[in-house]
Protein backbone atom coordinates (compact mmCIF):
# COMPACT_ATOMS: atom_id res chain seq x y z
CA MET A 1 54.06 103.81 26.16
CA GLU A 2 55.45 106.52 28.44
CA ASN A 3 55.54 103.96 31.15
CA GLN A 4 57.66 101.65 29.01
CA ARG A 5 60.25 104.43 28.37
CA VAL A 6 60.46 104.82 32.09
CA ILE A 7 61.30 101.08 32.64
CA LEU A 8 63.79 101.22 29.95
CA LEU A 9 65.46 104.00 31.63
CA ILE A 10 65.22 102.12 34.93
CA ALA A 11 66.85 99.14 33.25
CA LEU A 12 69.66 101.56 31.73
CA ALA A 13 70.16 103.00 35.16
CA GLY A 14 70.47 99.47 36.68
CA ILE A 15 73.13 98.48 34.25
CA SER A 16 74.96 101.66 34.80
CA LEU A 17 74.86 101.20 38.62
CA LEU A 18 76.17 97.69 38.05
CA LEU A 19 79.08 98.90 36.06
CA TYR A 20 79.82 101.62 38.41
CA PHE A 21 80.19 99.31 41.40
CA SER A 22 82.29 96.91 39.30
CA TRP A 23 84.54 100.02 38.21
CA GLN A 24 84.57 101.15 41.84
CA ARG A 25 85.90 97.82 43.04
CA GLU A 26 88.38 97.71 40.25
CA GLN A 27 89.75 101.25 41.12
CA ALA A 28 89.79 100.84 44.90
CA GLY A 29 90.51 96.97 45.18
CA PRO A 30 88.62 94.77 47.58
CA VAL A 31 87.68 96.37 50.91
CA GLU A 32 89.71 93.79 52.91
CA ASP A 33 92.67 94.53 50.63
CA ARG A 34 92.52 98.22 51.41
CA VAL A 35 92.43 97.60 54.92
CA VAL A 36 95.38 95.39 54.88
CA GLU A 37 97.38 97.84 52.69
CA GLU A 38 96.83 100.72 54.93
CA GLN A 39 98.01 98.88 57.96
CA THR A 40 100.87 96.93 56.50
CA GLN A 41 102.43 98.91 53.73
CA GLN A 42 105.86 98.47 55.25
CA ALA A 43 105.48 94.94 56.01
CA GLU A 44 104.56 94.37 52.49
CA GLN A 45 107.84 96.01 51.28
CA ALA A 46 109.82 93.95 53.78
CA ALA A 47 107.93 90.74 52.68
CA ALA A 48 108.88 91.54 48.83
CA SER A 49 112.64 91.27 49.76
CA GLU A 50 112.71 88.49 52.19
CA PRO A 51 111.45 84.98 52.43
CA ASP A 52 108.04 84.48 53.72
CA THR A 53 108.44 83.81 57.64
CA PRO A 54 105.02 84.26 59.53
CA GLU A 55 105.11 83.76 63.37
CA PRO A 56 103.97 80.46 64.73
CA ASP A 57 100.28 80.62 65.90
CA ALA A 58 97.76 78.17 67.59
CA PRO A 59 94.14 77.40 67.57
CA ALA A 60 92.40 79.54 70.33
CA ARG A 61 91.80 77.19 73.28
CA SER A 62 89.65 77.92 76.31
CA GLY A 63 92.22 77.02 78.90
CA LYS A 64 90.24 73.83 80.07
CA PRO A 65 92.36 70.83 80.94
CA GLU A 66 91.34 69.04 77.83
CA GLU A 67 91.95 72.01 75.60
CA ALA A 68 95.68 72.70 75.69
CA GLN A 69 97.51 75.29 73.64
CA GLY A 70 99.60 73.85 70.77
CA GLN A 71 101.84 75.25 68.09
CA MET A 72 100.98 75.14 64.50
CA ALA A 73 103.25 75.01 61.43
CA GLN A 74 104.79 78.03 60.04
CA GLY A 75 105.03 76.16 56.69
CA SER A 76 107.71 78.29 55.10
CA VAL A 77 111.51 78.68 54.67
CA ASP A 78 113.27 80.65 57.43
CA PRO A 79 115.74 83.42 56.15
CA GLY A 80 119.10 81.68 54.93
CA GLN A 81 117.57 78.24 55.32
CA GLU A 82 117.53 76.12 52.16
CA GLU A 83 114.11 74.50 51.28
CA ALA A 84 113.86 70.80 51.90
CA PRO A 85 113.20 68.40 48.91
CA ARG A 86 109.70 68.08 47.52
CA ILE A 87 107.40 65.37 46.68
CA THR A 88 105.52 65.55 43.35
CA VAL A 89 102.14 64.04 43.12
CA ARG A 90 100.17 63.65 39.80
CA THR A 91 96.59 62.54 39.32
CA ASP A 92 94.16 62.73 36.55
CA LEU A 93 92.88 66.16 37.90
CA VAL A 94 95.81 67.75 39.72
CA GLU A 95 99.60 67.96 40.03
CA ALA A 96 100.75 68.87 43.53
CA GLU A 97 103.91 69.34 45.40
CA ILE A 98 104.38 68.41 49.26
CA SER A 99 107.38 69.73 51.10
CA THR A 100 109.14 67.23 53.20
CA ARG A 101 109.87 70.13 55.69
CA GLY A 102 106.67 70.39 57.79
CA GLY A 103 104.74 68.15 55.23
CA ASP A 104 102.85 71.03 53.90
CA LEU A 105 100.86 70.95 50.62
CA ARG A 106 102.75 73.88 48.92
CA GLN A 107 101.69 73.87 45.33
CA LEU A 108 98.69 72.41 43.30
CA ASP A 109 97.81 72.75 39.66
CA LEU A 110 94.40 72.07 38.18
CA LEU A 111 95.17 70.08 35.00
CA LYS A 112 91.78 70.61 33.41
CA TYR A 113 91.76 74.35 33.72
CA GLN A 114 94.29 76.63 31.88
CA GLN A 115 95.88 79.71 33.58
CA GLY A 116 94.31 82.27 31.22
CA GLU A 117 92.62 82.46 27.87
CA ASP A 118 95.98 82.85 26.02
CA ASN A 119 97.98 80.93 28.51
CA PRO A 120 97.49 77.12 28.26
CA GLU A 121 99.54 76.28 31.42
CA PRO A 122 97.63 74.57 34.16
CA PHE A 123 95.84 76.94 36.58
CA ARG A 124 97.97 77.07 39.91
CA LEU A 125 95.59 77.34 42.74
CA LEU A 126 98.06 76.59 45.74
CA GLN A 127 101.43 78.27 45.41
CA ASP A 128 104.15 79.42 47.95
CA ASP A 129 106.24 81.56 45.55
CA GLY A 130 103.82 83.60 43.64
CA LYS A 131 100.85 86.17 44.06
CA PRO A 132 98.89 85.45 45.94
CA LEU A 133 100.43 82.98 48.34
CA PHE A 134 98.08 80.12 49.19
CA VAL A 135 99.01 76.78 50.88
CA ALA A 136 97.39 74.11 52.83
CA GLN A 137 98.85 72.95 56.03
CA ALA A 138 98.11 70.00 58.41
CA GLY A 139 99.88 68.91 61.71
CA LEU A 140 99.79 67.84 65.19
CA SER A 141 100.07 69.66 68.45
CA GLY A 142 100.05 68.36 71.99
CA GLU A 143 101.84 67.24 75.05
CA GLY A 144 103.83 64.52 73.48
CA PRO A 145 106.56 64.47 70.75
CA VAL A 146 105.12 66.01 67.59
CA PRO A 147 106.82 67.14 64.23
CA GLY A 148 107.06 71.06 64.36
CA SER A 149 107.15 73.42 61.37
CA ASP A 150 110.71 72.58 60.64
CA ALA A 151 110.40 68.85 60.99
CA ARG A 152 111.81 66.84 58.23
CA PHE A 153 109.76 63.93 56.95
CA GLN A 154 111.11 60.80 55.36
CA THR A 155 109.39 59.45 52.26
CA GLU A 156 109.89 56.32 50.13
CA ARG A 157 110.30 58.33 46.82
CA GLN A 158 110.12 61.80 45.35
CA ARG A 159 107.44 61.22 42.86
CA TYR A 160 103.94 59.62 43.05
CA GLU A 161 101.53 59.16 39.99
CA LEU A 162 98.10 57.62 40.01
CA SER A 163 98.54 54.47 37.99
CA GLU A 164 96.24 53.31 35.26
CA GLY A 165 93.04 51.47 36.86
CA ALA A 166 93.71 52.82 40.34
CA ASP A 167 91.16 54.70 42.24
CA LYS A 168 93.33 56.33 44.78
CA LEU A 169 96.89 57.30 45.36
CA GLU A 170 98.46 57.28 48.92
CA VAL A 171 101.58 59.54 49.70
CA PRO A 172 103.01 58.65 53.17
CA LEU A 173 105.56 60.80 55.11
CA VAL A 174 107.16 59.55 58.17
CA TRP A 175 108.68 61.36 61.18
CA GLU A 176 109.89 59.71 64.37
CA GLN A 177 111.49 60.92 67.64
CA ASP A 178 111.97 59.61 71.23
CA GLY A 179 109.99 56.48 70.43
CA VAL A 180 107.01 58.17 68.95
CA GLU A 181 106.41 57.64 65.14
CA ILE A 182 104.08 60.03 63.29
CA ARG A 183 102.91 58.69 59.87
CA LYS A 184 101.40 61.37 57.92
CA THR A 185 99.47 60.18 54.76
CA TYR A 186 97.89 62.25 51.92
CA THR A 187 95.24 60.35 49.95
CA PHE A 188 94.30 61.54 46.39
CA ARG A 189 91.36 60.06 44.50
CA ARG A 190 90.80 59.54 40.74
CA ASP A 191 88.41 62.11 39.36
CA SER A 192 88.25 64.05 42.60
CA TYR A 193 89.51 67.20 44.23
CA LEU A 194 89.27 65.67 47.67
CA ILE A 195 92.34 65.03 49.51
CA ASP A 196 92.33 63.06 52.81
CA VAL A 197 95.13 63.96 55.37
CA ARG A 198 95.63 61.32 58.03
CA HIS A 199 97.87 61.33 60.94
CA GLU A 200 98.65 58.10 62.55
CA ILE A 201 100.53 58.11 66.03
CA ARG A 202 102.51 55.06 67.11
CA ASN A 203 103.41 55.33 70.74
CA GLY A 204 106.48 53.21 71.50
CA THR A 205 107.14 55.05 74.72
CA ASP A 206 106.23 54.22 78.50
CA ALA A 207 104.13 57.30 78.50
CA GLU A 208 100.87 58.08 77.10
CA TRP A 209 100.71 60.54 74.14
CA SER A 210 98.31 63.34 74.07
CA GLY A 211 97.46 65.85 71.22
CA PHE A 212 95.06 67.04 68.40
CA GLN A 213 95.34 67.37 64.78
CA TYR A 214 94.86 70.82 62.94
CA VAL A 215 94.25 71.56 59.34
CA GLN A 216 94.43 75.15 58.08
CA LEU A 217 94.66 77.20 54.87
CA ARG A 218 97.06 80.11 54.79
CA ARG A 219 96.53 82.89 52.17
CA ARG A 220 97.30 86.41 51.24
CA PRO A 221 94.97 88.77 49.60
CA ASP A 222 94.72 88.82 45.73
CA PRO A 223 96.82 91.67 44.29
CA PRO A 224 94.64 94.67 43.01
CA GLY A 225 93.44 94.27 39.55
CA MET A 226 93.92 90.39 39.54
CA ASN A 227 90.23 89.49 38.95
CA PRO A 228 88.32 90.64 35.85
CA TRP A 229 86.85 94.25 36.74
CA TYR A 230 83.27 93.30 35.85
CA THR A 231 83.22 90.66 38.60
CA ARG A 232 82.44 91.21 42.31
CA SER A 233 83.54 87.88 43.46
CA PHE A 234 84.51 87.54 47.18
CA THR A 235 87.88 86.62 48.19
CA GLY A 236 88.53 85.62 51.66
CA GLY A 237 87.29 83.03 54.12
CA SER A 238 83.96 81.39 54.87
CA TYR A 239 82.34 78.84 57.22
CA TYR A 240 79.14 76.80 57.62
CA THR A 241 77.50 75.76 60.75
CA PRO A 242 74.19 74.07 61.05
CA GLU A 243 73.09 76.95 63.42
CA GLU A 244 74.37 80.07 61.55
CA HIS A 245 74.66 78.49 58.08
CA PHE A 246 76.69 80.17 55.58
CA SER A 247 79.04 82.94 56.71
CA ARG A 248 81.94 84.99 55.17
CA ILE A 249 85.06 86.44 56.99
CA SER A 250 86.90 88.93 54.93
CA PHE A 251 90.54 89.54 55.43
CA GLY A 252 89.67 92.77 57.13
CA ASP A 253 87.51 90.78 59.56
CA MET A 254 90.31 88.45 60.26
CA ALA A 255 92.76 91.53 61.04
CA GLU A 256 90.27 92.87 63.46
CA SER A 257 89.32 89.75 65.60
CA ASP A 258 90.03 86.03 65.54
CA LEU A 259 87.22 83.56 64.94
CA SER A 260 87.09 80.94 67.71
CA GLN A 261 84.13 78.74 67.58
CA ASP A 262 83.17 75.03 68.27
CA VAL A 263 81.39 73.53 65.37
CA GLN A 264 80.02 70.15 64.72
CA ASN A 265 79.02 68.99 61.13
CA GLY A 266 80.31 72.16 59.33
CA TRP A 267 83.16 73.16 57.01
CA GLU A 268 85.54 76.10 56.32
CA ALA A 269 86.92 77.42 53.05
CA MET A 270 89.08 80.16 51.50
CA LEU A 271 87.10 81.57 48.43
CA GLN A 272 88.20 83.21 45.29
CA HIS A 273 86.80 83.67 41.72
CA TYR A 274 85.92 80.26 40.37
CA PHE A 275 88.15 78.29 42.84
CA LEU A 276 88.36 77.43 46.51
CA GLY A 277 90.17 75.44 49.20
CA ALA A 278 87.91 73.90 51.75
CA ILE A 279 88.43 71.68 54.86
CA VAL A 280 85.52 69.19 55.45
CA PRO A 281 86.14 67.46 58.85
CA PRO A 282 84.62 64.19 59.85
CA ARG A 283 80.84 64.41 60.72
CA GLU A 284 79.73 64.26 64.55
CA ASP A 285 83.07 65.23 66.16
CA THR A 286 83.27 68.92 67.33
CA TYR A 287 86.00 71.00 65.81
CA ARG A 288 87.48 74.36 66.90
CA TYR A 289 87.27 76.84 64.01
CA TYR A 290 89.86 79.62 64.15
CA THR A 291 91.20 82.52 62.09
CA ARG A 292 94.44 84.42 62.50
CA ALA A 293 95.98 87.48 60.92
CA LEU A 294 99.79 87.04 60.75
CA PRO A 295 102.65 89.50 59.71
CA GLN A 296 103.18 90.18 56.09
CA GLU A 297 99.54 90.25 55.16
CA THR A 298 99.14 86.64 55.73
CA TYR A 299 95.96 85.10 57.02
CA LEU A 300 94.96 81.69 58.59
CA LEU A 301 91.83 79.82 58.46
CA GLY A 302 91.67 76.36 59.93
CA MET A 303 90.29 73.98 62.65
CA SER A 304 91.56 71.76 65.25
CA SER A 305 90.34 68.27 66.26
CA PRO A 306 89.30 66.91 69.64
CA TRP A 307 92.10 65.76 71.70
CA LEU A 308 93.36 62.22 71.21
CA THR A 309 95.28 60.11 73.72
CA VAL A 310 97.48 57.11 72.68
CA GLU A 311 98.50 54.72 75.58
CA PRO A 312 101.98 53.19 75.54
CA GLY A 313 102.41 50.67 72.81
CA GLU A 314 99.03 51.73 71.11
CA THR A 315 98.33 53.40 67.82
CA GLY A 316 95.70 56.24 67.33
CA ALA A 317 94.84 58.36 64.41
CA ARG A 318 93.06 61.56 63.27
CA VAL A 319 91.72 62.17 59.69
CA ASN A 320 90.52 65.34 58.06
CA ARG A 321 89.73 66.21 54.45
CA LEU A 322 90.58 68.86 52.00
CA PHE A 323 88.60 69.96 48.79
CA ILE A 324 90.94 71.95 46.60
CA GLY A 325 89.65 72.64 43.17
CA PRO A 326 87.04 74.52 40.99
CA LYS A 327 83.68 75.51 42.22
CA GLU A 328 81.83 72.88 39.97
CA GLN A 329 78.51 72.64 41.34
CA LYS A 330 77.98 68.91 40.39
CA ARG A 331 81.16 68.24 42.52
CA LEU A 332 80.17 70.50 45.47
CA VAL A 333 76.75 68.80 45.57
CA ALA A 334 78.42 65.35 45.51
CA VAL A 335 80.60 66.35 48.43
CA GLU A 336 77.45 67.43 50.40
CA GLU A 337 75.68 64.14 49.66
CA GLU A 338 78.66 61.99 50.40
CA TYR A 339 79.92 63.47 53.65
CA GLY A 340 76.56 64.81 55.00
CA VAL A 341 77.43 68.35 54.82
CA SER A 342 75.25 71.43 53.61
CA GLY A 343 75.86 74.66 52.01
CA MET A 344 78.91 74.01 49.83
CA ARG A 345 77.17 75.19 46.78
CA LEU A 346 76.77 78.49 48.37
CA THR A 347 80.40 79.21 47.65
CA VAL A 348 79.26 79.76 44.15
CA ASP A 349 78.02 83.39 44.75
CA TYR A 350 74.94 84.38 42.59
CA GLY A 351 74.05 87.32 45.04
CA PHE A 352 70.44 88.24 46.11
CA LEU A 353 68.96 86.58 43.00
CA THR A 354 70.40 83.12 43.83
CA PHE A 355 66.81 81.66 44.19
CA LEU A 356 66.46 82.54 40.50
CA ALA A 357 70.13 81.91 39.39
CA ASN A 358 70.22 78.50 40.56
CA PRO A 359 67.41 77.06 38.59
CA LEU A 360 68.63 79.09 35.57
CA PHE A 361 72.07 77.32 35.96
CA TRP A 362 70.38 73.87 36.49
CA ALA A 363 68.46 74.28 33.18
CA LEU A 364 71.63 75.63 31.46
CA ASP A 365 73.78 72.71 32.69
CA HIS A 366 71.40 70.18 31.78
CA ILE A 367 70.93 71.64 28.22
CA GLN A 368 74.60 71.85 27.86
CA ASP A 369 74.95 68.16 28.69
CA VAL A 370 72.95 67.28 25.63
CA VAL A 371 74.20 70.02 23.09
CA LYS A 372 77.84 70.00 24.54
CA ASN A 373 78.20 73.75 23.82
CA TRP A 374 77.57 76.33 26.36
CA GLY A 375 76.75 79.07 23.81
CA VAL A 376 74.12 76.80 22.02
CA ALA A 377 72.77 76.17 25.60
CA ILE A 378 72.35 79.81 26.30
CA ILE A 379 70.45 80.30 23.01
CA ILE A 380 68.23 77.34 23.76
CA LEU A 381 67.58 78.52 27.42
CA THR A 382 66.78 81.88 26.00
CA LEU A 383 64.12 80.26 23.74
CA LEU A 384 62.58 78.40 26.78
CA ILE A 385 62.36 81.59 28.67
CA LYS A 386 60.63 83.30 25.72
CA ILE A 387 58.17 80.37 25.45
CA ALA A 388 57.59 80.49 29.20
CA PHE A 389 56.63 84.31 29.03
CA TYR A 390 55.05 84.09 25.52
CA LYS A 391 51.44 85.08 26.58
CA LEU A 392 52.79 87.83 28.80
CA SER A 393 54.97 89.17 25.92
CA ALA A 394 52.01 88.76 23.65
CA ILE A 395 49.80 91.05 25.82
CA SER A 396 52.58 93.67 25.77
CA TYR A 397 53.05 93.53 22.00
CA ARG A 398 49.30 93.73 21.23
CA SER A 399 49.36 96.67 23.57
CA MET A 400 51.93 98.32 21.47
CA ALA A 401 50.15 97.43 18.30
CA LYS A 402 47.09 99.13 19.47
CA MET A 403 49.08 102.05 20.60
CA ARG A 404 50.63 102.31 17.14
CA ARG A 405 47.28 102.28 15.53
CA VAL A 406 45.76 105.02 17.61
CA GLN A 407 48.78 107.20 17.60
CA PRO A 408 47.38 109.57 15.26
CA LYS A 409 44.33 110.19 17.54
CA MET A 410 46.77 110.74 20.59
CA GLN A 411 48.63 113.23 18.56
CA GLN A 412 45.36 115.15 17.95
CA ILE A 413 44.53 115.15 21.74
CA ARG A 414 47.99 116.42 22.56
CA GLU A 415 47.88 119.23 20.06
CA ARG A 416 44.36 120.04 21.22
CA HIS A 417 45.00 120.15 24.71
CA SER A 418 48.79 121.39 24.74
CA ASP A 419 47.96 124.06 27.28
CA ASP A 420 45.80 121.83 29.59
CA ARG A 421 47.73 118.72 30.65
CA GLN A 422 45.00 117.53 33.09
CA GLN A 423 42.31 117.67 30.28
CA MET A 424 44.93 115.91 27.85
CA ASN A 425 45.61 113.04 30.35
CA GLN A 426 41.88 112.65 31.04
CA GLU A 427 41.07 112.24 27.16
CA LEU A 428 44.07 109.92 26.67
CA MET A 429 42.74 107.72 29.42
CA GLU A 430 39.37 107.66 27.85
CA LEU A 431 40.88 106.74 24.46
CA TYR A 432 42.82 103.82 26.14
CA LYS A 433 39.42 102.61 27.63
CA ARG A 434 37.63 102.91 24.38
CA GLU A 435 40.22 101.00 22.36
CA LYS A 436 40.83 98.58 25.20
CA ILE A 437 44.49 99.48 25.69
CA ASN A 438 46.34 98.92 28.87
CA PRO A 439 49.19 101.78 29.04
CA LEU A 440 51.11 99.55 31.40
CA GLY A 441 50.94 96.35 29.23
CA GLY A 442 54.20 97.16 27.57
CA CYS A 443 56.20 97.26 30.89
CA LEU A 444 55.48 93.70 31.88
CA PRO A 445 58.17 91.86 29.77
CA ILE A 446 60.68 94.37 30.59
CA LEU A 447 60.20 94.00 34.20
CA VAL A 448 60.23 90.26 34.01
CA GLN A 449 63.65 90.56 31.86
CA ILE A 450 65.63 92.66 34.40
CA PRO A 451 65.89 90.04 37.17
CA VAL A 452 66.45 87.23 34.60
CA PHE A 453 69.13 89.35 32.97
CA ILE A 454 70.82 89.94 36.39
CA SER A 455 70.52 86.50 37.45
CA LEU A 456 72.02 85.17 34.14
CA TYR A 457 74.81 87.75 34.39
CA TRP A 458 76.01 86.29 37.67
CA VAL A 459 75.46 82.63 36.41
CA ILE A 460 77.91 83.39 33.42
CA ILE A 461 80.05 85.45 35.63
CA GLU A 462 80.47 83.15 38.54
CA SER A 463 80.11 79.54 37.21
CA VAL A 464 83.47 78.07 36.66
CA GLU A 465 81.87 75.59 34.08
CA ILE A 466 81.55 78.62 31.54
CA ARG A 467 85.10 79.90 32.36
CA HIS A 468 86.94 79.91 28.97
CA ALA A 469 83.97 77.97 27.32
CA PRO A 470 84.13 78.27 23.58
CA PHE A 471 81.08 78.91 21.44
CA MET A 472 81.93 79.05 17.67
CA LEU A 473 84.10 80.98 15.31
CA TRP A 474 85.65 83.99 16.98
CA ILE A 475 84.01 83.47 20.40
CA GLN A 476 86.33 81.18 22.23
CA ASP A 477 85.53 82.33 25.74
CA LEU A 478 82.08 83.06 26.76
CA SER A 479 83.19 84.56 30.12
CA SER A 480 85.15 87.30 28.67
CA ARG A 481 84.46 90.14 26.04
CA ASP A 482 83.86 89.38 22.40
CA PRO A 483 87.27 90.50 20.98
CA TYR A 484 85.73 92.03 17.89
CA PHE A 485 82.69 93.42 19.30
CA ILE A 486 80.50 91.73 16.78
CA LEU A 487 77.97 90.54 19.16
CA PRO A 488 77.44 93.89 20.88
CA LEU A 489 77.00 95.52 17.48
CA LEU A 490 74.53 92.81 16.45
CA MET A 491 72.58 93.17 19.52
CA GLY A 492 72.51 97.11 19.03
CA ALA A 493 71.10 96.32 15.52
CA THR A 494 68.22 94.35 17.12
CA MET A 495 67.51 97.17 19.33
CA LEU A 496 67.16 99.49 16.61
CA LEU A 497 64.94 97.21 14.71
CA GLN A 498 62.88 96.82 17.70
CA GLN A 499 62.39 100.53 17.92
CA LYS A 500 61.03 100.61 14.42
CA LEU A 501 58.29 98.24 15.43
CA ASN A 502 57.43 100.29 18.58
CA PRO A 503 55.28 103.48 18.29
CA PRO A 504 57.59 106.35 18.76
CA PRO A 505 57.05 108.54 21.80
CA MET A 506 55.06 111.88 21.35
CA ASP A 507 57.45 113.81 23.36
CA PRO A 508 60.37 114.99 21.36
CA ILE A 509 62.82 114.73 24.32
CA GLN A 510 61.73 111.15 25.05
CA ARG A 511 62.00 110.49 21.25
CA ARG A 512 65.48 111.63 21.17
CA VAL A 513 66.49 109.66 24.23
CA MET A 514 64.99 106.44 22.88
CA GLN A 515 67.15 107.05 19.73
CA VAL A 516 70.12 107.27 21.73
CA LEU A 517 69.49 104.22 24.00
CA PRO A 518 70.56 101.51 21.41
CA PHE A 519 73.97 103.11 21.11
CA VAL A 520 74.26 103.50 24.72
CA PHE A 521 73.47 99.91 25.47
CA THR A 522 75.71 98.83 22.63
CA GLY A 523 78.69 100.59 24.36
CA PHE A 524 77.90 99.04 27.71
CA PHE A 525 77.62 95.54 26.18
CA THR A 526 81.18 95.80 24.72
CA LEU A 527 82.30 95.57 28.27
CA PHE A 528 80.14 92.63 29.16
CA PRO A 529 81.19 88.91 28.65
CA ALA A 530 80.31 87.37 25.49
CA GLY A 531 77.79 84.79 27.00
CA LEU A 532 75.75 87.62 28.40
CA VAL A 533 75.68 89.43 25.12
CA LEU A 534 74.76 86.26 23.26
CA TYR A 535 71.73 85.92 25.64
CA TRP A 536 70.64 89.43 25.16
CA LEU A 537 71.05 89.17 21.40
CA ALA A 538 69.19 85.98 21.05
CA ASN A 539 66.31 87.34 23.29
CA ASN A 540 66.18 90.48 21.06
CA VAL A 541 65.93 88.32 17.87
CA LEU A 542 63.23 86.32 19.37
CA SER A 543 61.35 89.47 20.67
CA VAL A 544 61.38 91.19 17.22
CA ALA A 545 60.06 87.99 15.75
CA GLN A 546 57.26 87.56 18.14
CA GLN A 547 56.54 91.41 18.09
CA TRP A 548 56.31 91.47 14.21
CA TYR A 549 54.16 88.34 14.10
CA ILE A 550 51.57 89.72 16.70
CA MET A 551 51.73 93.19 15.29
CA ARG A 552 50.86 91.67 11.81
CA GLN A 553 48.03 89.92 13.31
CA GLU A 554 46.62 92.97 14.99
CA GLU A 555 47.00 94.95 11.63
CA GLN A 556 44.88 92.20 9.88
CA ARG A 557 42.24 92.23 12.55
CA SER A 558 41.93 96.05 12.47
CA GLY A 559 41.67 95.73 8.58
CA GLU A 560 39.06 93.16 8.78
CA ALA A 561 37.06 95.55 11.17
């Protein structure tokens, strides 16, 4: 039993460490934010009083003839200049705004996700007038006439809406200069967060047109304290290559050096808690991936296409693809399968226990598909886990029952050899051997539960599917704390009941520590999301029932003997 107490204390220390790291993150803010704040406090103050005007930048080019330098869009209003009219686009999943100045995607609301638990407004993922700034830009750069960052596009109407029965919605913007017509078309799809960006070049001049397409995401770091304190979600850039697989780029990394890498069959993304903006280019072509740190805490992550040459009187085109939406795993997997990419599901960060968290989420998701309630799914998953480890737990509980039965003999040995610890331990081991007791048997279920607990913690914290998911009665958001702390109190009560079933420690200090632990755990669990507390409560109830049943069986056996 002493080993079991040690394991419990280890579990407590692990939870305490988890809380400490989360608290430290909340107090200090993300590392990348701290780097930026230390370097650009004056720029931040200036940015608060002026419109956003980052400097133009360009994809890093090697200087080869086929890789010329080109200007990328600023995508913002210059001081004193009025904003151009915007095009509003609405589908079944999103409502977006596209500026006719530069043709950038300046705002995007997710209609199926609300802003907060108490704010029913749609969640705004892209925005150019709030915190944090996050916009998507796409343009052309090259040696022929191209629309710059201040170019005014013409459009047929100011509002586009996906009509009933239609599978896609095209939003064309047109720019023309010196005989070159650029048609920039955004294509939105029904039941999809994918957005195609197509540039079509119609060369009506006597000279060839040469240039390339770029697509980029421009973002600022989250304000400190924006995300829940108990998460450690990464906010910043990421990219995937077949050679290096999944990599992250923090804003601090972008400030220190630029990414400049040629990639085939990869993707890039800006990540945040629950949501992302990603660029998924066509397969086979090689794209130049780049990052930039601009003034006023603004960061670019983007890619540029191979060069395109359009002969006089001919037409050429370049297409790229954006995914702007929630990290719903089914949709991420669908993008992987449809467009032949890998690793997009890694944007859902389950940490070092991903190998365990992924099957847990898979099981949880499939159960939810049947019961249509994430809370009920958590309870059923807990039951399945208990069934899977039933025999292992039974061994532990039988060991506890035997320990409880021989406790008077153990107490006699302790009293008889109180001055000779070596002799006391020797006689205790002989007693364990005689009674066929494994002193380590009680540790196994706890050791098994710790990684499952941590994995399910990150599943509940990181899975957007559980965000604001209701359970029943007063629990209307499994991803946030129980507002009345009823679940943590019930969980603490089950821990006290479980202690009654366990043989009390012989050592008075251990006994006092174990008596305090339920109250300490209850205090900790008041800070955890309700979904996690629901799992722990269900696990405790099932454990108490199993332990009572097995201990009753052992008592009957010992009585018959």
